């Protein structure tokens, strides 16, 4: 996935977590959002390590 796709997926999951009814549902969505955020951070850190 590209970075923009990851960001839109992250936003969608966070909005879904806000509307979650139960605690377990909200926690699972927050965990999913955290894993997406990790992927975003990994992509940006790899780009910053490239030296020209």
N, C-alpha and C. Protein backbone atom coordinates (compact mmCIF):
# COMPACT_ATOMS: atom_id res chain seq x y z
N UNK A 1 0.84 -1.18 0.00
CA UNK A 1 0.00 0.00 0.00
C UNK A 1 0.89 1.25 0.00
N UNK A 2 0.37 2.26 -0.65
CA UNK A 2 1.11 3.52 -0.64
C UNK A 2 0.83 4.28 0.65
N UNK A 3 1.61 5.31 0.88
CA UNK A 3 1.46 6.08 2.11
C UNK A 3 0.09 6.76 2.19
N UNK A 4 -0.39 7.26 1.07
CA UNK A 4 -1.70 7.92 1.08
C UNK A 4 -2.82 6.92 1.35
N UNK A 5 -2.69 5.72 0.81
CA UNK A 5 -3.68 4.68 1.09
C UNK A 5 -3.67 4.30 2.56
N UNK A 6 -2.47 4.20 3.13
CA UNK A 6 -2.36 3.87 4.55
C UNK A 6 -2.98 4.97 5.42
N UNK A 7 -2.75 6.22 5.05
CA UNK A 7 -3.31 7.32 5.83
C UNK A 7 -4.83 7.33 5.76
N UNK A 8 -5.41 7.07 4.58
CA UNK A 8 -6.87 7.05 4.48
C UNK A 8 -7.44 5.87 5.24
N UNK A 9 -6.75 4.73 5.19
CA UNK A 9 -7.20 3.55 5.95
C UNK A 9 -7.14 3.83 7.45
N UNK A 10 -6.07 4.50 7.90
CA UNK A 10 -5.93 4.87 9.31
C UNK A 10 -7.07 5.79 9.74
N UNK A 11 -7.37 6.79 8.94
CA UNK A 11 -8.46 7.72 9.26
C UNK A 11 -9.80 6.99 9.34
N UNK A 12 -10.03 6.07 8.40
CA UNK A 12 -11.28 5.32 8.38
C UNK A 12 -11.43 4.46 9.64
N UNK A 13 -10.35 3.80 10.03
CA UNK A 13 -10.39 2.93 11.21
C UNK A 13 -10.60 3.75 12.48
N UNK A 14 -9.95 4.91 12.57
CA UNK A 14 -10.11 5.76 13.75
C UNK A 14 -11.54 6.29 13.86
N UNK A 15 -12.14 6.67 12.75
CA UNK A 15 -13.53 7.12 12.78
C UNK A 15 -14.46 5.99 13.18
N UNK A 16 -14.17 4.79 12.69
CA UNK A 16 -14.96 3.62 13.05
C UNK A 16 -14.82 3.31 14.54
N UNK A 17 -13.63 3.50 15.09
CA UNK A 17 -13.38 3.24 16.51
C UNK A 17 -14.14 4.24 17.38
N UNK A 18 -14.27 5.48 16.92
CA UNK A 18 -15.02 6.47 17.67
C UNK A 18 -16.49 6.09 17.77
N UNK A 19 -17.00 5.44 16.74
CA UNK A 19 -18.42 5.07 16.71
C UNK A 19 -18.67 3.67 17.28
N UNK A 20 -17.64 3.00 17.74
CA UNK A 20 -17.77 1.64 18.24
C UNK A 20 -18.67 1.61 19.46
N UNK A 21 -19.46 0.55 19.55
CA UNK A 21 -20.42 0.41 20.63
C UNK A 21 -19.78 -0.21 21.87
N UNK A 22 -19.06 -1.29 21.68
CA UNK A 22 -18.48 -2.00 22.82
C UNK A 22 -17.02 -1.72 23.03
N UNK A 23 -16.55 -2.05 24.21
CA UNK A 23 -15.15 -1.83 24.55
C UNK A 23 -14.24 -2.72 23.73
N UNK A 24 -14.59 -4.00 23.58
CA UNK A 24 -13.75 -4.93 22.83
C UNK A 24 -13.64 -4.51 21.37
N UNK A 25 -14.73 -4.05 20.82
CA UNK A 25 -14.73 -3.60 19.43
C UNK A 25 -13.80 -2.39 19.26
N UNK A 26 -13.89 -1.46 20.18
CA UNK A 26 -13.07 -0.25 20.12
C UNK A 26 -11.59 -0.59 20.27
N UNK A 27 -11.26 -1.46 21.21
CA UNK A 27 -9.86 -1.85 21.43
C UNK A 27 -9.29 -2.53 20.20
N UNK A 28 -10.05 -3.42 19.58
CA UNK A 28 -9.54 -4.11 18.39
C UNK A 28 -9.31 -3.13 17.25
N UNK A 29 -10.17 -2.14 17.12
CA UNK A 29 -9.99 -1.14 16.07
C UNK A 29 -8.79 -0.24 16.36
N UNK A 30 -8.57 0.09 17.63
CA UNK A 30 -7.40 0.89 17.99
C UNK A 30 -6.11 0.11 17.72
N UNK A 31 -6.12 -1.20 17.97
CA UNK A 31 -4.95 -2.02 17.67
C UNK A 31 -4.68 -2.06 16.17
N UNK A 32 -5.75 -2.16 15.39
CA UNK A 32 -5.60 -2.16 13.94
C UNK A 32 -5.03 -0.81 13.46
N UNK A 33 -5.52 0.27 14.04
CA UNK A 33 -5.03 1.61 13.69
C UNK A 33 -3.55 1.76 14.07
N UNK A 34 -3.17 1.19 15.21
CA UNK A 34 -1.78 1.27 15.65
C UNK A 34 -0.86 0.54 14.67
N UNK A 35 -1.30 -0.61 14.17
CA UNK A 35 -0.46 -1.35 13.23
C UNK A 35 -0.33 -0.59 11.91
N UNK A 36 -1.38 0.09 11.50
CA UNK A 36 -1.31 0.91 10.28
C UNK A 36 -0.36 2.07 10.50
N UNK A 37 -0.43 2.69 11.67
CA UNK A 37 0.45 3.81 11.99
C UNK A 37 1.92 3.37 12.00
N UNK A 38 2.18 2.16 12.47
CA UNK A 38 3.54 1.63 12.46
C UNK A 38 4.06 1.51 11.02
N UNK A 39 3.20 1.05 10.12
CA UNK A 39 3.59 0.92 8.72
C UNK A 39 3.91 2.29 8.12
N UNK A 40 3.12 3.29 8.48
CA UNK A 40 3.35 4.64 7.97
C UNK A 40 4.69 5.15 8.48
N UNK A 41 4.95 4.96 9.76
CA UNK A 41 6.21 5.42 10.34
C UNK A 41 7.40 4.68 9.76
N UNK A 42 7.26 3.39 9.48
CA UNK A 42 8.34 2.63 8.87
C UNK A 42 8.67 3.17 7.49
N UNK A 43 7.63 3.48 6.71
CA UNK A 43 7.85 3.99 5.36
C UNK A 43 8.56 5.33 5.39
N UNK A 44 8.20 6.20 6.31
CA UNK A 44 8.83 7.52 6.36
C UNK A 44 10.25 7.43 6.89
N UNK A 45 10.52 6.52 7.82
CA UNK A 45 11.88 6.41 8.36
C UNK A 45 12.82 5.80 7.33
N UNK A 46 12.33 4.90 6.49
CA UNK A 46 13.16 4.31 5.45
C UNK A 46 13.54 5.36 4.42
N UNK A 47 12.62 6.26 4.12
CA UNK A 47 12.89 7.32 3.16
C UNK A 47 13.92 8.30 3.70
N UNK A 48 13.89 8.55 4.99
CA UNK A 48 14.82 9.52 5.57
C UNK A 48 16.22 8.95 5.72
N UNK A 49 16.39 7.62 5.67
CA UNK A 49 17.71 7.02 5.81
C UNK A 49 18.51 7.05 4.51
N UNK A 50 17.86 7.33 3.42
CA UNK A 50 18.56 7.37 2.14
C UNK A 50 19.40 8.64 2.07
N UNK A 51 20.68 8.48 1.83
CA UNK A 51 21.58 9.62 1.75
C UNK A 51 21.96 9.84 0.29
N UNK A 52 21.93 11.08 -0.12
CA UNK A 52 22.28 11.40 -1.51
C UNK A 52 23.66 11.97 -1.58
